[in-house]
N, C-alpha and C. Protein backbone atom coordinates (compact mmCIF):
# COMPACT_ATOMS: atom_id res chain seq x y z
N MET A 1 -37.39 101.11 22.35
CA MET A 1 -38.61 101.79 21.95
C MET A 1 -39.81 101.12 22.61
N CYS A 2 -40.96 101.77 22.58
CA CYS A 2 -42.13 101.28 23.31
C CYS A 2 -42.78 100.08 22.65
N ARG A 3 -42.59 99.91 21.37
CA ARG A 3 -43.07 98.68 20.74
C ARG A 3 -42.01 97.60 20.95
N GLY A 4 -42.21 96.43 20.42
CA GLY A 4 -41.22 95.37 20.57
C GLY A 4 -41.22 94.81 21.97
N GLU A 5 -40.05 94.72 22.58
CA GLU A 5 -39.91 94.03 23.86
C GLU A 5 -39.98 94.96 25.07
N SER A 6 -40.22 96.23 24.87
CA SER A 6 -40.29 97.16 26.00
C SER A 6 -41.42 96.77 26.95
N LYS A 7 -41.17 96.88 28.26
CA LYS A 7 -42.14 96.49 29.27
C LYS A 7 -43.12 97.60 29.62
N PHE A 8 -42.82 98.81 29.20
CA PHE A 8 -43.76 99.91 29.44
C PHE A 8 -43.57 100.97 28.37
N CYS A 9 -44.59 101.82 28.24
CA CYS A 9 -44.57 102.90 27.26
C CYS A 9 -44.12 104.18 27.95
N THR A 10 -43.14 104.83 27.41
CA THR A 10 -42.61 106.04 28.04
C THR A 10 -43.63 107.17 28.04
N GLU A 11 -44.54 107.16 27.10
CA GLU A 11 -45.59 108.18 27.06
C GLU A 11 -46.69 107.88 28.09
N LEU A 12 -46.96 106.61 28.30
CA LEU A 12 -47.99 106.20 29.24
C LEU A 12 -47.51 106.24 30.68
N GLY A 13 -46.29 105.76 30.91
CA GLY A 13 -45.76 105.68 32.27
C GLY A 13 -46.22 104.40 32.95
N ILE A 14 -45.81 104.22 34.20
CA ILE A 14 -46.07 102.97 34.90
C ILE A 14 -47.03 103.13 36.08
N ASP A 15 -47.56 104.33 36.29
CA ASP A 15 -48.47 104.58 37.40
C ASP A 15 -49.90 104.66 36.90
N PRO A 16 -50.68 103.60 37.09
CA PRO A 16 -52.08 103.60 36.61
C PRO A 16 -52.93 104.74 37.16
N GLU A 17 -52.55 105.27 38.32
CA GLU A 17 -53.31 106.37 38.91
C GLU A 17 -53.25 107.62 38.03
N LYS A 18 -52.23 107.70 37.20
CA LYS A 18 -52.03 108.86 36.34
C LYS A 18 -52.57 108.63 34.92
N TRP A 19 -53.10 107.46 34.67
CA TRP A 19 -53.58 107.15 33.33
C TRP A 19 -54.98 107.72 33.11
N SER A 20 -55.24 108.09 31.89
CA SER A 20 -56.59 108.50 31.51
C SER A 20 -57.53 107.31 31.55
N ARG A 21 -58.75 107.53 31.98
CA ARG A 21 -59.76 106.48 31.94
C ARG A 21 -60.65 106.63 30.71
N LYS A 22 -60.36 107.64 29.88
CA LYS A 22 -61.13 107.85 28.66
C LYS A 22 -60.59 107.06 27.48
N CYS A 23 -59.28 106.97 27.39
CA CYS A 23 -58.67 106.40 26.19
C CYS A 23 -57.37 105.69 26.54
N PRO A 24 -56.87 104.84 25.64
CA PRO A 24 -55.63 104.14 25.92
C PRO A 24 -54.46 105.07 26.22
N LEU A 25 -54.34 106.16 25.45
CA LEU A 25 -53.24 107.10 25.64
C LEU A 25 -53.62 108.44 25.03
N PRO A 26 -53.78 109.49 25.84
CA PRO A 26 -54.16 110.79 25.28
C PRO A 26 -53.10 111.31 24.32
N PRO A 27 -53.51 111.93 23.22
CA PRO A 27 -52.54 112.46 22.25
C PRO A 27 -51.82 113.68 22.81
N PRO A 28 -50.60 113.94 22.35
CA PRO A 28 -49.86 115.13 22.79
C PRO A 28 -50.58 116.41 22.39
N ALA A 29 -50.25 117.49 23.05
CA ALA A 29 -50.91 118.78 22.83
C ALA A 29 -50.73 119.28 21.40
N TYR A 30 -49.61 118.94 20.76
CA TYR A 30 -49.36 119.47 19.42
C TYR A 30 -50.26 118.86 18.35
N PHE A 31 -51.00 117.80 18.68
CA PHE A 31 -51.89 117.19 17.70
C PHE A 31 -52.91 118.19 17.17
N GLU A 32 -53.49 118.98 18.05
CA GLU A 32 -54.52 119.93 17.62
C GLU A 32 -53.94 120.96 16.67
N GLU A 33 -52.73 121.43 16.95
CA GLU A 33 -52.09 122.38 16.06
C GLU A 33 -51.80 121.74 14.70
N SER A 34 -51.37 120.49 14.73
CA SER A 34 -51.10 119.77 13.48
C SER A 34 -52.36 119.64 12.64
N LEU A 35 -53.48 119.35 13.30
CA LEU A 35 -54.75 119.25 12.58
C LEU A 35 -55.12 120.59 11.96
N ASN A 36 -54.92 121.67 12.70
CA ASN A 36 -55.25 123.00 12.18
C ASN A 36 -54.41 123.34 10.96
N PHE A 37 -53.15 122.95 10.96
CA PHE A 37 -52.29 123.20 9.80
C PHE A 37 -52.75 122.36 8.60
N PHE A 38 -53.21 121.13 8.87
CA PHE A 38 -53.72 120.33 7.75
C PHE A 38 -54.96 120.97 7.15
N VAL A 39 -55.87 121.40 8.01
CA VAL A 39 -57.10 122.05 7.52
C VAL A 39 -56.74 123.27 6.68
N GLU A 40 -55.79 124.06 7.15
CA GLU A 40 -55.36 125.24 6.39
C GLU A 40 -54.78 124.83 5.05
N SER A 41 -53.93 123.80 5.05
CA SER A 41 -53.31 123.32 3.82
C SER A 41 -54.36 122.80 2.84
N TYR A 42 -55.30 122.05 3.35
CA TYR A 42 -56.35 121.47 2.51
C TYR A 42 -57.19 122.56 1.86
N GLN A 43 -57.56 123.56 2.63
CA GLN A 43 -58.36 124.66 2.08
C GLN A 43 -57.59 125.46 1.03
N LEU A 44 -56.31 125.65 1.27
CA LEU A 44 -55.47 126.34 0.29
C LEU A 44 -55.36 125.52 -1.00
N ALA A 45 -55.19 124.22 -0.83
CA ALA A 45 -55.08 123.33 -2.00
C ALA A 45 -56.35 123.38 -2.84
N LEU A 46 -57.50 123.43 -2.17
CA LEU A 46 -58.76 123.49 -2.90
C LEU A 46 -58.90 124.80 -3.67
N ARG A 47 -58.23 125.84 -3.18
CA ARG A 47 -58.27 127.14 -3.88
C ARG A 47 -57.13 127.27 -4.89
N ASP A 48 -56.43 126.16 -5.12
CA ASP A 48 -55.34 126.09 -6.08
C ASP A 48 -54.17 126.99 -5.69
N GLN A 49 -54.00 127.22 -4.39
CA GLN A 49 -52.85 127.95 -3.88
C GLN A 49 -51.82 126.92 -3.43
N ARG A 50 -51.22 126.30 -4.42
CA ARG A 50 -50.40 125.11 -4.21
C ARG A 50 -49.18 125.36 -3.31
N ASP A 51 -48.43 126.39 -3.58
CA ASP A 51 -47.21 126.65 -2.80
C ASP A 51 -47.55 126.92 -1.33
N GLU A 52 -48.60 127.70 -1.12
CA GLU A 52 -49.01 128.00 0.26
C GLU A 52 -49.51 126.74 0.95
N ALA A 53 -50.20 125.88 0.20
CA ALA A 53 -50.72 124.63 0.76
C ALA A 53 -49.58 123.71 1.19
N ILE A 54 -48.56 123.62 0.36
CA ILE A 54 -47.41 122.78 0.69
C ILE A 54 -46.69 123.31 1.92
N ALA A 55 -46.56 124.62 2.00
CA ALA A 55 -45.89 125.24 3.15
C ALA A 55 -46.65 124.95 4.44
N ALA A 56 -47.98 125.04 4.40
CA ALA A 56 -48.79 124.75 5.59
C ALA A 56 -48.72 123.27 5.96
N LEU A 57 -48.71 122.40 4.94
CA LEU A 57 -48.66 120.97 5.18
C LEU A 57 -47.36 120.57 5.87
N GLN A 58 -46.29 121.26 5.54
CA GLN A 58 -44.99 120.97 6.15
C GLN A 58 -44.94 121.29 7.64
N LYS A 59 -45.92 122.04 8.11
CA LYS A 59 -45.97 122.40 9.53
C LYS A 59 -46.75 121.40 10.37
N THR A 60 -47.26 120.36 9.73
CA THR A 60 -48.10 119.39 10.45
C THR A 60 -47.29 118.41 11.30
N ARG A 61 -45.97 118.41 11.16
CA ARG A 61 -45.09 117.52 11.92
C ARG A 61 -45.41 116.06 11.60
N SER A 62 -45.44 115.79 10.31
CA SER A 62 -45.83 114.47 9.81
C SER A 62 -45.01 113.34 10.43
N ASP A 63 -43.70 113.49 10.46
CA ASP A 63 -42.84 112.42 10.98
C ASP A 63 -43.12 112.14 12.45
N GLU A 64 -43.37 113.19 13.22
CA GLU A 64 -43.65 113.02 14.65
C GLU A 64 -45.00 112.34 14.86
N LEU A 65 -46.00 112.72 14.06
CA LEU A 65 -47.30 112.08 14.15
C LEU A 65 -47.20 110.59 13.84
N ARG A 66 -46.47 110.27 12.80
CA ARG A 66 -46.29 108.88 12.40
C ARG A 66 -45.55 108.09 13.48
N GLU A 67 -44.48 108.67 13.98
CA GLU A 67 -43.68 107.96 14.99
C GLU A 67 -44.48 107.74 16.27
N TRP A 68 -45.29 108.73 16.67
CA TRP A 68 -46.08 108.59 17.89
C TRP A 68 -47.07 107.44 17.75
N TYR A 69 -47.68 107.33 16.58
CA TYR A 69 -48.61 106.23 16.32
C TYR A 69 -47.88 104.89 16.37
N VAL A 70 -46.77 104.78 15.67
CA VAL A 70 -46.05 103.52 15.54
C VAL A 70 -45.46 103.08 16.88
N GLU A 71 -44.88 104.01 17.62
CA GLU A 71 -44.15 103.67 18.83
C GLU A 71 -45.01 103.68 20.09
N HIS A 72 -46.05 104.47 20.11
CA HIS A 72 -46.83 104.63 21.35
C HIS A 72 -48.31 104.30 21.17
N GLY A 73 -48.98 105.05 20.30
CA GLY A 73 -50.43 104.94 20.21
C GLY A 73 -50.94 103.55 19.91
N SER A 74 -50.33 102.86 18.98
CA SER A 74 -50.87 101.57 18.55
C SER A 74 -50.57 100.42 19.50
N TYR A 75 -49.81 100.67 20.55
CA TYR A 75 -49.48 99.62 21.52
C TYR A 75 -49.95 99.94 22.94
N SER A 76 -50.42 101.16 23.16
CA SER A 76 -50.62 101.66 24.52
C SER A 76 -51.61 100.86 25.35
N GLY A 77 -52.72 100.45 24.76
CA GLY A 77 -53.76 99.79 25.53
C GLY A 77 -53.63 98.29 25.62
N HIS A 78 -53.76 97.62 24.46
CA HIS A 78 -53.80 96.16 24.45
C HIS A 78 -52.50 95.53 24.90
N LYS A 79 -51.39 96.28 24.81
CA LYS A 79 -50.12 95.73 25.25
C LYS A 79 -49.73 96.29 26.62
N HIS A 80 -49.43 97.59 26.69
CA HIS A 80 -48.83 98.14 27.90
C HIS A 80 -49.80 98.24 29.07
N ARG A 81 -51.00 98.77 28.83
CA ARG A 81 -51.94 98.87 29.94
C ARG A 81 -52.33 97.48 30.44
N VAL A 82 -52.64 96.59 29.53
CA VAL A 82 -53.04 95.23 29.91
C VAL A 82 -51.92 94.52 30.67
N ASN A 83 -50.69 94.63 30.17
CA ASN A 83 -49.57 93.93 30.79
C ASN A 83 -49.24 94.47 32.18
N LEU A 84 -49.35 95.78 32.35
CA LEU A 84 -49.02 96.36 33.65
C LEU A 84 -50.13 96.15 34.68
N LEU A 85 -51.38 96.17 34.23
CA LEU A 85 -52.50 96.02 35.17
C LEU A 85 -52.71 94.57 35.60
N LYS A 86 -52.42 93.64 34.68
CA LYS A 86 -52.55 92.21 35.00
C LYS A 86 -53.93 91.85 35.56
N LYS A 87 -54.96 92.34 34.91
CA LYS A 87 -56.32 92.00 35.30
C LYS A 87 -56.57 90.51 35.02
N PRO A 88 -57.50 89.90 35.77
CA PRO A 88 -57.84 88.50 35.46
C PRO A 88 -58.29 88.37 34.01
N LEU A 89 -57.82 87.35 33.34
CA LEU A 89 -58.19 87.15 31.95
C LEU A 89 -59.68 86.82 31.84
N PRO A 90 -60.33 87.36 30.81
CA PRO A 90 -61.74 87.04 30.63
C PRO A 90 -61.90 85.58 30.22
N GLU A 91 -63.04 85.02 30.52
CA GLU A 91 -63.31 83.67 30.06
C GLU A 91 -63.33 83.67 28.53
N LYS A 92 -62.77 82.64 27.96
CA LYS A 92 -62.72 82.56 26.51
C LYS A 92 -64.13 82.50 25.96
N TYR A 93 -64.41 83.40 25.01
CA TYR A 93 -65.75 83.45 24.42
C TYR A 93 -65.96 82.24 23.53
N THR A 94 -67.02 81.51 23.80
CA THR A 94 -67.28 80.29 23.04
C THR A 94 -68.59 80.37 22.24
N GLY A 95 -69.25 81.53 22.31
CA GLY A 95 -70.50 81.68 21.58
C GLY A 95 -70.28 81.94 20.10
N GLN A 96 -71.34 82.20 19.42
CA GLN A 96 -71.27 82.47 17.99
C GLN A 96 -70.72 83.88 17.76
N ARG A 97 -69.70 83.98 16.92
CA ARG A 97 -69.10 85.28 16.64
C ARG A 97 -69.74 85.93 15.42
N GLU A 98 -69.69 87.23 15.42
CA GLU A 98 -70.22 88.02 14.31
C GLU A 98 -69.47 87.65 13.04
N THR A 99 -70.21 87.32 11.98
CA THR A 99 -69.56 86.99 10.71
C THR A 99 -69.25 88.25 9.91
N LYS A 100 -70.01 89.31 10.16
CA LYS A 100 -69.75 90.58 9.49
C LYS A 100 -68.88 91.42 10.43
N LYS A 101 -67.58 91.46 10.16
CA LYS A 101 -66.65 92.08 11.08
C LYS A 101 -66.38 93.56 10.80
N ASN A 102 -66.79 94.03 9.64
CA ASN A 102 -66.51 95.42 9.26
C ASN A 102 -67.79 96.17 8.95
N PHE A 103 -67.81 97.44 9.32
CA PHE A 103 -68.92 98.30 8.97
C PHE A 103 -68.77 98.74 7.52
N ASN A 104 -69.86 98.76 6.77
CA ASN A 104 -69.76 99.24 5.39
C ASN A 104 -69.69 100.77 5.39
N SER A 105 -69.46 101.36 4.24
CA SER A 105 -69.23 102.80 4.16
C SER A 105 -70.43 103.62 4.63
N VAL A 106 -71.63 103.14 4.33
CA VAL A 106 -72.83 103.86 4.77
C VAL A 106 -72.95 103.83 6.29
N GLU A 107 -72.74 102.68 6.87
CA GLU A 107 -72.81 102.54 8.33
C GLU A 107 -71.73 103.39 9.01
N GLN A 108 -70.55 103.40 8.43
CA GLN A 108 -69.47 104.22 8.99
C GLN A 108 -69.87 105.69 9.04
N ARG A 109 -70.37 106.19 7.92
CA ARG A 109 -70.71 107.61 7.86
C ARG A 109 -71.84 107.97 8.81
N GLU A 110 -72.78 107.06 8.98
CA GLU A 110 -73.86 107.31 9.93
C GLU A 110 -73.31 107.43 11.35
N ILE A 111 -72.34 106.59 11.68
CA ILE A 111 -71.72 106.65 13.01
C ILE A 111 -70.88 107.92 13.15
N TYR A 112 -70.11 108.27 12.11
CA TYR A 112 -69.31 109.50 12.15
C TYR A 112 -70.19 110.72 12.36
N GLU A 113 -71.28 110.77 11.62
CA GLU A 113 -72.18 111.93 11.72
C GLU A 113 -72.84 111.98 13.10
N ARG A 114 -73.21 110.84 13.63
CA ARG A 114 -73.79 110.79 14.97
C ARG A 114 -72.81 111.34 16.01
N ASP A 115 -71.53 111.01 15.82
CA ASP A 115 -70.49 111.38 16.78
C ASP A 115 -69.77 112.68 16.43
N ASN A 116 -70.30 113.40 15.42
CA ASN A 116 -69.69 114.66 14.99
C ASN A 116 -68.20 114.50 14.62
N TYR A 117 -67.90 113.38 13.96
CA TYR A 117 -66.53 113.14 13.49
C TYR A 117 -65.51 113.42 14.59
N THR A 118 -65.80 112.91 15.77
CA THR A 118 -64.93 113.10 16.93
C THR A 118 -64.70 111.76 17.61
N CYS A 119 -63.46 111.44 17.91
CA CYS A 119 -63.13 110.18 18.56
C CYS A 119 -63.85 110.10 19.90
N ARG A 120 -64.60 109.03 20.12
CA ARG A 120 -65.37 108.89 21.35
C ARG A 120 -64.47 108.53 22.53
N TYR A 121 -63.22 108.19 22.26
CA TYR A 121 -62.28 107.89 23.33
C TYR A 121 -61.49 109.15 23.72
N CYS A 122 -60.54 109.57 22.89
CA CYS A 122 -59.68 110.70 23.25
C CYS A 122 -60.28 112.05 22.90
N GLU A 123 -61.38 112.06 22.16
CA GLU A 123 -62.15 113.25 21.81
C GLU A 123 -61.43 114.20 20.85
N ILE A 124 -60.51 113.65 20.05
CA ILE A 124 -59.85 114.46 19.04
C ILE A 124 -60.70 114.44 17.76
N LYS A 125 -60.67 115.51 17.00
CA LYS A 125 -61.40 115.56 15.74
C LYS A 125 -60.74 114.61 14.74
N VAL A 126 -61.58 113.96 13.93
CA VAL A 126 -61.06 113.07 12.90
C VAL A 126 -61.57 113.51 11.53
N ILE A 127 -60.93 112.99 10.49
CA ILE A 127 -61.18 113.42 9.12
C ILE A 127 -61.68 112.25 8.29
N ASP A 128 -62.67 112.50 7.47
CA ASP A 128 -63.23 111.49 6.59
C ASP A 128 -62.17 111.01 5.59
N GLU A 129 -62.15 109.70 5.35
CA GLU A 129 -61.18 109.11 4.42
C GLU A 129 -61.27 109.73 3.03
N ARG A 130 -62.47 110.08 2.59
CA ARG A 130 -62.65 110.67 1.27
C ARG A 130 -61.93 112.01 1.15
N VAL A 131 -61.87 112.73 2.26
CA VAL A 131 -61.17 114.02 2.27
C VAL A 131 -59.67 113.79 2.11
N LEU A 132 -59.15 112.80 2.81
CA LEU A 132 -57.71 112.51 2.72
C LEU A 132 -57.34 112.10 1.29
N LYS A 133 -58.20 111.32 0.66
CA LYS A 133 -57.95 110.92 -0.73
C LYS A 133 -58.02 112.12 -1.66
N LYS A 134 -58.95 113.02 -1.38
CA LYS A 134 -59.07 114.22 -2.20
C LYS A 134 -57.85 115.12 -2.04
N MET A 135 -57.32 115.17 -0.82
CA MET A 135 -56.11 115.96 -0.58
C MET A 135 -54.95 115.41 -1.41
N GLU A 136 -54.80 114.10 -1.42
CA GLU A 136 -53.72 113.49 -2.20
C GLU A 136 -53.88 113.80 -3.69
N LYS A 137 -55.10 113.70 -4.19
CA LYS A 137 -55.34 113.96 -5.60
C LYS A 137 -55.11 115.43 -5.94
N THR A 138 -55.45 116.32 -5.01
CA THR A 138 -55.36 117.75 -5.27
C THR A 138 -53.94 118.27 -5.20
N ILE A 139 -53.21 117.85 -4.18
CA ILE A 139 -51.87 118.40 -3.96
C ILE A 139 -50.76 117.52 -4.51
N GLY A 140 -51.08 116.24 -4.78
CA GLY A 140 -50.08 115.33 -5.34
C GLY A 140 -49.55 114.36 -4.29
N SER A 141 -49.41 113.09 -4.68
CA SER A 141 -48.98 112.06 -3.74
C SER A 141 -47.54 112.25 -3.27
N GLN A 142 -46.76 113.05 -3.99
CA GLN A 142 -45.39 113.30 -3.53
C GLN A 142 -45.39 114.19 -2.29
N HIS A 143 -46.48 114.88 -2.05
CA HIS A 143 -46.58 115.74 -0.87
C HIS A 143 -47.49 115.16 0.20
N PHE A 144 -48.52 114.41 -0.23
CA PHE A 144 -49.44 113.84 0.74
C PHE A 144 -49.91 112.48 0.24
N LYS A 145 -49.58 111.44 0.98
CA LYS A 145 -49.96 110.08 0.62
C LYS A 145 -50.98 109.58 1.61
N ALA A 146 -52.20 109.31 1.13
CA ALA A 146 -53.28 108.90 2.02
C ALA A 146 -53.24 107.42 2.35
N ALA A 147 -52.60 106.62 1.52
CA ALA A 147 -52.53 105.18 1.74
C ALA A 147 -51.21 104.67 1.19
N GLY A 148 -50.81 103.50 1.66
CA GLY A 148 -49.56 102.92 1.18
C GLY A 148 -49.34 101.56 1.80
N ASP A 149 -48.45 100.77 1.19
CA ASP A 149 -48.20 99.41 1.68
C ASP A 149 -47.41 99.39 2.98
N THR A 150 -46.70 100.47 3.28
CA THR A 150 -45.92 100.55 4.51
C THR A 150 -46.24 101.84 5.25
N ASN A 151 -45.98 101.85 6.55
CA ASN A 151 -46.24 103.04 7.35
C ASN A 151 -45.47 104.25 6.83
N ALA A 152 -44.25 104.02 6.34
CA ALA A 152 -43.39 105.11 5.92
C ALA A 152 -43.97 105.89 4.74
N LEU A 153 -44.83 105.25 3.95
CA LEU A 153 -45.37 105.91 2.77
C LEU A 153 -46.51 106.86 3.10
N ARG A 154 -47.25 106.58 4.17
CA ARG A 154 -48.39 107.42 4.52
C ARG A 154 -47.96 108.68 5.24
N HIS A 155 -48.70 109.76 4.99
CA HIS A 155 -48.46 111.00 5.71
C HIS A 155 -48.88 110.82 7.17
N GLY A 156 -48.19 111.48 8.07
CA GLY A 156 -48.48 111.34 9.49
C GLY A 156 -49.88 111.74 9.88
N VAL A 157 -50.48 112.66 9.15
CA VAL A 157 -51.85 113.09 9.43
C VAL A 157 -52.82 111.92 9.35
N VAL A 158 -52.56 110.98 8.44
CA VAL A 158 -53.44 109.83 8.27
C VAL A 158 -53.50 109.00 9.55
N PHE A 159 -52.35 108.75 10.15
CA PHE A 159 -52.30 107.93 11.36
C PHE A 159 -53.03 108.58 12.54
N SER A 160 -52.98 109.88 12.60
CA SER A 160 -53.51 110.57 13.77
C SER A 160 -54.96 111.00 13.63
N PHE A 161 -55.42 111.25 12.40
CA PHE A 161 -56.73 111.89 12.24
C PHE A 161 -57.69 111.17 11.29
N LYS A 162 -57.29 110.09 10.68
CA LYS A 162 -58.22 109.39 9.80
C LYS A 162 -59.31 108.71 10.62
N ALA A 163 -60.56 108.94 10.26
CA ALA A 163 -61.69 108.38 10.99
C ALA A 163 -61.80 106.88 10.77
N THR A 164 -62.14 106.16 11.82
CA THR A 164 -62.44 104.74 11.72
C THR A 164 -63.54 104.44 12.73
N VAL A 165 -64.08 103.23 12.67
CA VAL A 165 -65.11 102.83 13.63
C VAL A 165 -64.56 101.71 14.50
N ASP A 166 -64.71 101.86 15.79
CA ASP A 166 -64.23 100.85 16.74
C ASP A 166 -65.39 100.05 17.30
N HIS A 167 -65.20 98.72 17.38
CA HIS A 167 -66.13 97.86 18.11
C HIS A 167 -65.80 98.00 19.59
N VAL A 168 -66.68 98.63 20.36
CA VAL A 168 -66.40 98.79 21.79
C VAL A 168 -66.22 97.43 22.45
N ASN A 169 -67.14 96.54 22.19
CA ASN A 169 -66.97 95.15 22.61
C ASN A 169 -66.42 94.40 21.40
N PRO A 170 -65.19 93.92 21.47
CA PRO A 170 -64.55 93.32 20.30
C PRO A 170 -65.33 92.15 19.72
N VAL A 171 -65.21 92.00 18.43
CA VAL A 171 -65.84 90.86 17.75
C VAL A 171 -65.34 89.55 18.35
N SER A 172 -64.08 89.52 18.74
CA SER A 172 -63.48 88.30 19.30
C SER A 172 -64.14 87.90 20.62
N ASP A 173 -64.83 88.86 21.26
CA ASP A 173 -65.51 88.57 22.52
C ASP A 173 -67.03 88.61 22.36
N GLY A 174 -67.49 88.45 21.13
CA GLY A 174 -68.92 88.40 20.89
C GLY A 174 -69.54 89.73 20.51
N GLY A 175 -68.73 90.76 20.35
CA GLY A 175 -69.25 92.07 19.96
C GLY A 175 -69.86 92.04 18.57
N GLU A 176 -70.91 92.82 18.39
CA GLU A 176 -71.60 92.83 17.11
C GLU A 176 -71.26 94.07 16.30
N THR A 177 -71.41 93.97 14.99
CA THR A 177 -71.17 95.08 14.09
C THR A 177 -72.48 95.86 13.94
N THR A 178 -72.79 96.60 14.99
CA THR A 178 -74.02 97.39 15.03
C THR A 178 -73.69 98.81 15.47
N GLN A 179 -74.60 99.73 15.24
CA GLN A 179 -74.38 101.11 15.64
C GLN A 179 -74.28 101.24 17.15
N ASP A 180 -74.96 100.38 17.88
CA ASP A 180 -74.88 100.43 19.34
C ASP A 180 -73.50 100.04 19.85
N ASN A 181 -72.80 99.19 19.10
CA ASN A 181 -71.48 98.73 19.53
C ASN A 181 -70.35 99.44 18.79
N GLY A 182 -70.69 100.31 17.84
CA GLY A 182 -69.68 101.01 17.07
C GLY A 182 -69.57 102.46 17.47
N VAL A 183 -68.34 102.96 17.62
CA VAL A 183 -68.12 104.37 17.92
C VAL A 183 -67.02 104.91 17.02
N THR A 184 -67.10 106.19 16.73
CA THR A 184 -66.05 106.85 15.97
C THR A 184 -64.76 106.83 16.77
N SER A 185 -63.66 106.55 16.08
CA SER A 185 -62.37 106.46 16.74
C SER A 185 -61.27 106.97 15.83
N CYS A 186 -60.22 107.49 16.44
CA CYS A 186 -58.99 107.77 15.69
C CYS A 186 -58.19 106.48 15.61
N TRP A 187 -57.18 106.46 14.77
CA TRP A 187 -56.39 105.24 14.63
C TRP A 187 -55.64 104.90 15.91
N ASN A 188 -55.13 105.92 16.60
CA ASN A 188 -54.36 105.65 17.82
C ASN A 188 -55.20 104.93 18.86
N CYS A 189 -56.43 105.37 19.06
CA CYS A 189 -57.29 104.72 20.05
C CYS A 189 -57.77 103.36 19.55
N ASN A 190 -58.10 103.27 18.27
CA ASN A 190 -58.59 102.01 17.72
C ASN A 190 -57.53 100.92 17.78
N LEU A 191 -56.32 101.23 17.34
CA LEU A 191 -55.24 100.24 17.35
C LEU A 191 -54.66 100.08 18.74
N GLY A 192 -54.69 101.15 19.53
CA GLY A 192 -54.19 101.04 20.90
C GLY A 192 -55.05 100.11 21.72
N LYS A 193 -56.34 100.15 21.48
CA LYS A 193 -57.29 99.27 22.18
C LYS A 193 -57.27 97.87 21.58
N TYR A 194 -57.26 97.79 20.27
CA TYR A 194 -57.24 96.53 19.52
C TYR A 194 -58.37 95.63 20.00
N ASN A 195 -58.08 94.41 20.44
CA ASN A 195 -59.15 93.50 20.85
C ASN A 195 -59.21 93.29 22.36
N ALA A 196 -58.57 94.18 23.11
CA ALA A 196 -58.64 94.09 24.57
C ALA A 196 -59.99 94.59 25.06
N LEU A 197 -60.41 94.11 26.21
CA LEU A 197 -61.66 94.55 26.81
C LEU A 197 -61.41 95.79 27.66
N LEU A 198 -62.42 96.61 27.80
CA LEU A 198 -62.26 97.88 28.51
C LEU A 198 -61.76 97.68 29.93
N TYR A 199 -62.27 96.68 30.64
CA TYR A 199 -61.87 96.49 32.04
C TYR A 199 -60.40 96.10 32.14
N GLN A 200 -59.87 95.42 31.12
CA GLN A 200 -58.47 95.02 31.14
C GLN A 200 -57.54 96.23 31.08
N MET A 201 -58.03 97.33 30.50
CA MET A 201 -57.22 98.54 30.34
C MET A 201 -57.62 99.63 31.32
N GLU A 202 -58.66 99.37 32.12
CA GLU A 202 -59.23 100.38 33.03
C GLU A 202 -59.63 101.63 32.24
N ILE A 203 -60.41 101.39 31.20
CA ILE A 203 -60.97 102.47 30.39
C ILE A 203 -62.48 102.43 30.53
N ASP A 204 -63.09 103.59 30.77
CA ASP A 204 -64.54 103.67 30.90
C ASP A 204 -65.19 103.52 29.52
N ASP A 205 -66.40 103.04 29.51
CA ASP A 205 -67.15 102.86 28.27
C ASP A 205 -67.45 104.24 27.67
N PRO A 206 -66.97 104.52 26.46
CA PRO A 206 -67.18 105.84 25.86
C PRO A 206 -68.65 106.15 25.60
N ARG A 207 -69.47 105.13 25.51
CA ARG A 207 -70.89 105.33 25.25
C ARG A 207 -71.63 105.88 26.46
N ASP A 208 -70.97 105.84 27.61
CA ASP A 208 -71.57 106.40 28.83
C ASP A 208 -71.35 107.91 28.94
N ARG A 209 -70.52 108.47 28.04
CA ARG A 209 -70.25 109.90 28.05
C ARG A 209 -71.05 110.58 26.94
N PRO A 210 -71.47 111.82 27.16
CA PRO A 210 -72.20 112.54 26.10
C PRO A 210 -71.32 112.70 24.86
N ILE A 211 -71.95 112.73 23.70
CA ILE A 211 -71.23 112.97 22.45
C ILE A 211 -70.73 114.41 22.44
N ILE A 212 -69.47 114.57 22.09
CA ILE A 212 -68.86 115.89 22.05
C ILE A 212 -69.40 116.68 20.86
N ASN A 213 -69.76 117.93 21.09
CA ASN A 213 -70.31 118.77 20.02
C ASN A 213 -69.25 119.16 19.01
N LYS A 214 -68.10 119.66 19.48
CA LYS A 214 -67.02 120.12 18.61
C LYS A 214 -67.53 121.11 17.55
N ASN A 215 -68.50 121.92 17.95
CA ASN A 215 -69.08 122.90 17.02
C ASN A 215 -69.54 122.24 15.72
N LEU A 216 -70.09 121.02 15.89
CA LEU A 216 -70.61 120.26 14.75
C LEU A 216 -69.56 120.07 13.65
N TRP A 217 -68.36 119.73 14.05
CA TRP A 217 -67.28 119.37 13.12
C TRP A 217 -67.75 118.22 12.23
N ASP A 218 -67.53 118.34 10.93
CA ASP A 218 -68.05 117.34 10.00
C ASP A 218 -66.96 116.56 9.28
N GLY A 219 -65.74 116.58 9.83
CA GLY A 219 -64.67 115.83 9.20
C GLY A 219 -64.28 116.36 7.85
N LEU A 220 -64.64 117.62 7.57
CA LEU A 220 -64.38 118.30 6.29
C LEU A 220 -65.21 117.76 5.14
N THR A 221 -66.25 117.01 5.45
CA THR A 221 -67.07 116.42 4.38
C THR A 221 -67.86 117.45 3.60
N SER A 222 -68.04 118.62 4.15
CA SER A 222 -68.78 119.68 3.44
C SER A 222 -68.02 120.15 2.21
N THR A 223 -66.75 119.76 2.10
CA THR A 223 -65.95 120.16 0.93
C THR A 223 -66.02 119.14 -0.19
N LEU A 224 -66.69 118.03 0.04
CA LEU A 224 -66.71 116.96 -0.96
C LEU A 224 -67.79 117.21 -2.01
């Protein structure tokens, strides 16, 4: 498998000329369809159409979304791209590191709203964590689990579409927890990048690209 001792990711391949310069690893085409089925299921659940909501949720390909994250997305950049490119290692950062390593909830939402709840790397739509929790409460944790102690407990939609904030310049390299250094990210891009530097992965700075409109997608927050 692509995690563990594998020397390359089968989804990424070994030819850097074919790699995206936007993100560690572009998501498969079926991700958008999976997101649409989740949105349909969520809206049905809110209307108390439980059976129809469960049926739509089953079409999201939860197991495949989870497996793609575990086996490919979360290792694509900091492991496979870095190892294959073998860029010169950056000088070890010896300056003062940011003591505040996480964005608070208010800061996160400001960044999400600025970025139209769209990953600044792969440009996939993401969903607010509060929506995922509401889905679990509405439809039941036996059908949708928004959080859990192990990967197996969480629904695949969480791994692929839950919004998070990425430090473009990692805290480990002196990056600050500021809006200028924070961008909306999906889990695959955030964990795929981890603490590697952009040049090590041959990824362009997402802040140099215009923010995607996505028809003003709001991460489903209008339902809260």
